[in-house]
Amino acid sequence: MRFIWSSVFTGCRKNNYMSEKITDLEIQLTHQQHQLEELNELVYNQQQQIAALTSELRKINEQMQIALPSLVKEAEEEAPPPHY
């Protein structure tokens, strides 16, 4: 009879241990999912900022070419330096 109770008690401890481990893993998964969502939002916002800055830079470059066409030239249009 003692063996039966001992094995039942051991089985309960194993079940509790496994239940706690599963709960811990579920908590970790939930935190990781939350972090992933935050990172996705951060990357999206950064991409939006990059797109806005790229557009703004393009406009500034166009304005400079209109205002100062002789100072802003393409590399092919530039004369070689005098030492060539």
Protein backbone atom coordinates (compact mmCIF):
# COMPACT_ATOMS: atom_id res chain seq x y z
CA MET A 1 0.00 0.00 0.00
CA ARG A 2 2.86 2.33 0.77
CA PHE A 3 4.24 1.92 -2.78
CA ILE A 4 0.92 2.94 -4.32
CA TRP A 5 0.69 6.16 -2.30
CA SER A 6 4.30 6.94 -2.97
CA SER A 7 3.88 6.53 -6.72
CA VAL A 8 0.63 8.54 -6.65
CA PHE A 9 2.37 11.33 -4.73
CA THR A 10 5.34 11.25 -7.12
CA GLY A 11 2.95 11.35 -10.07
CA CYS A 12 1.16 14.38 -8.62
CA ARG A 13 4.46 16.19 -8.10
CA LYS A 14 5.43 15.46 -11.70
CA ASN A 15 2.05 16.69 -12.93
CA ASN A 16 2.37 19.89 -10.88
CA TYR A 17 5.90 20.41 -12.14
CA MET A 18 4.83 19.91 -15.75
CA SER A 19 1.82 22.16 -15.24
CA GLU A 20 4.05 24.91 -13.84
CA LYS A 21 6.50 24.50 -16.72
CA ILE A 22 3.68 24.75 -19.27
CA THR A 23 2.33 27.85 -17.51
CA ASP A 24 5.81 29.42 -17.54
CA LEU A 25 6.18 28.68 -21.26
CA GLU A 26 2.76 30.18 -21.99
CA ILE A 27 3.72 33.33 -20.08
CA GLN A 28 7.00 33.59 -21.98
CA LEU A 29 5.20 33.09 -25.30
CA THR A 30 2.71 35.83 -24.44
CA HIS A 31 5.52 38.26 -23.59
CA GLN A 32 7.38 37.38 -26.80
CA GLN A 33 4.25 37.89 -28.89
CA HIS A 34 3.74 41.28 -27.27
CA GLN A 35 7.36 42.26 -27.93
CA LEU A 36 7.08 41.10 -31.54
CA GLU A 37 3.99 43.26 -32.05
CA GLU A 38 5.82 46.26 -30.56
CA LEU A 39 8.85 45.66 -32.78
CA ASN A 40 6.66 45.33 -35.87
CA GLU A 41 5.00 48.65 -35.06
CA LEU A 42 8.40 50.27 -34.49
CA VAL A 43 9.75 48.99 -37.82
CA TYR A 44 6.62 50.19 -39.62
CA ASN A 45 6.91 53.66 -38.07
CA GLN A 46 10.59 53.86 -38.96
CA GLN A 47 9.84 52.88 -42.55
CA GLN A 48 7.23 55.63 -42.72
CA GLN A 49 9.80 58.13 -41.41
CA ILE A 50 12.41 56.95 -43.92
CA ALA A 51 9.92 57.35 -46.77
CA ALA A 52 9.01 60.86 -45.61
CA LEU A 53 12.66 61.88 -45.25
CA THR A 54 13.52 60.43 -48.67
CA SER A 55 10.71 62.41 -50.25
CA GLU A 56 11.76 65.58 -48.45
CA LEU A 57 15.38 65.11 -49.54
CA ARG A 58 14.30 64.61 -53.13
CA LYS A 59 12.30 67.85 -53.02
CA ILE A 60 15.21 69.76 -51.51
CA ASN A 61 17.53 68.41 -54.19
CA GLU A 62 15.09 69.46 -56.93
CA GLN A 63 14.79 72.94 -55.40
CA MET A 64 18.57 73.29 -55.26
CA GLN A 65 18.90 72.28 -58.91
CA ILE A 66 16.36 74.94 -59.87
CA ALA A 67 17.88 77.66 -57.66
CA LEU A 68 21.55 76.85 -58.26
CA PRO A 69 21.81 74.81 -61.44
CA SER A 70 25.52 75.46 -61.87
CA LEU A 71 26.41 74.19 -58.38
CA VAL A 72 24.39 70.98 -58.42
CA LYS A 73 25.41 68.79 -61.33
CA GLU A 74 25.37 65.14 -62.06
CA ALA A 75 28.75 63.39 -61.88
CA GLU A 76 28.80 62.93 -65.67
CA GLU A 77 28.27 66.66 -66.21
CA GLU A 78 31.19 67.69 -63.99
CA ALA A 79 34.41 68.71 -65.68
CA PRO A 80 37.44 66.70 -64.58
CA PRO A 81 39.69 68.35 -62.00
CA PRO A 82 42.57 70.44 -63.41
CA HIS A 83 45.25 67.90 -62.51
CA TYR A 84 43.92 65.34 -65.03
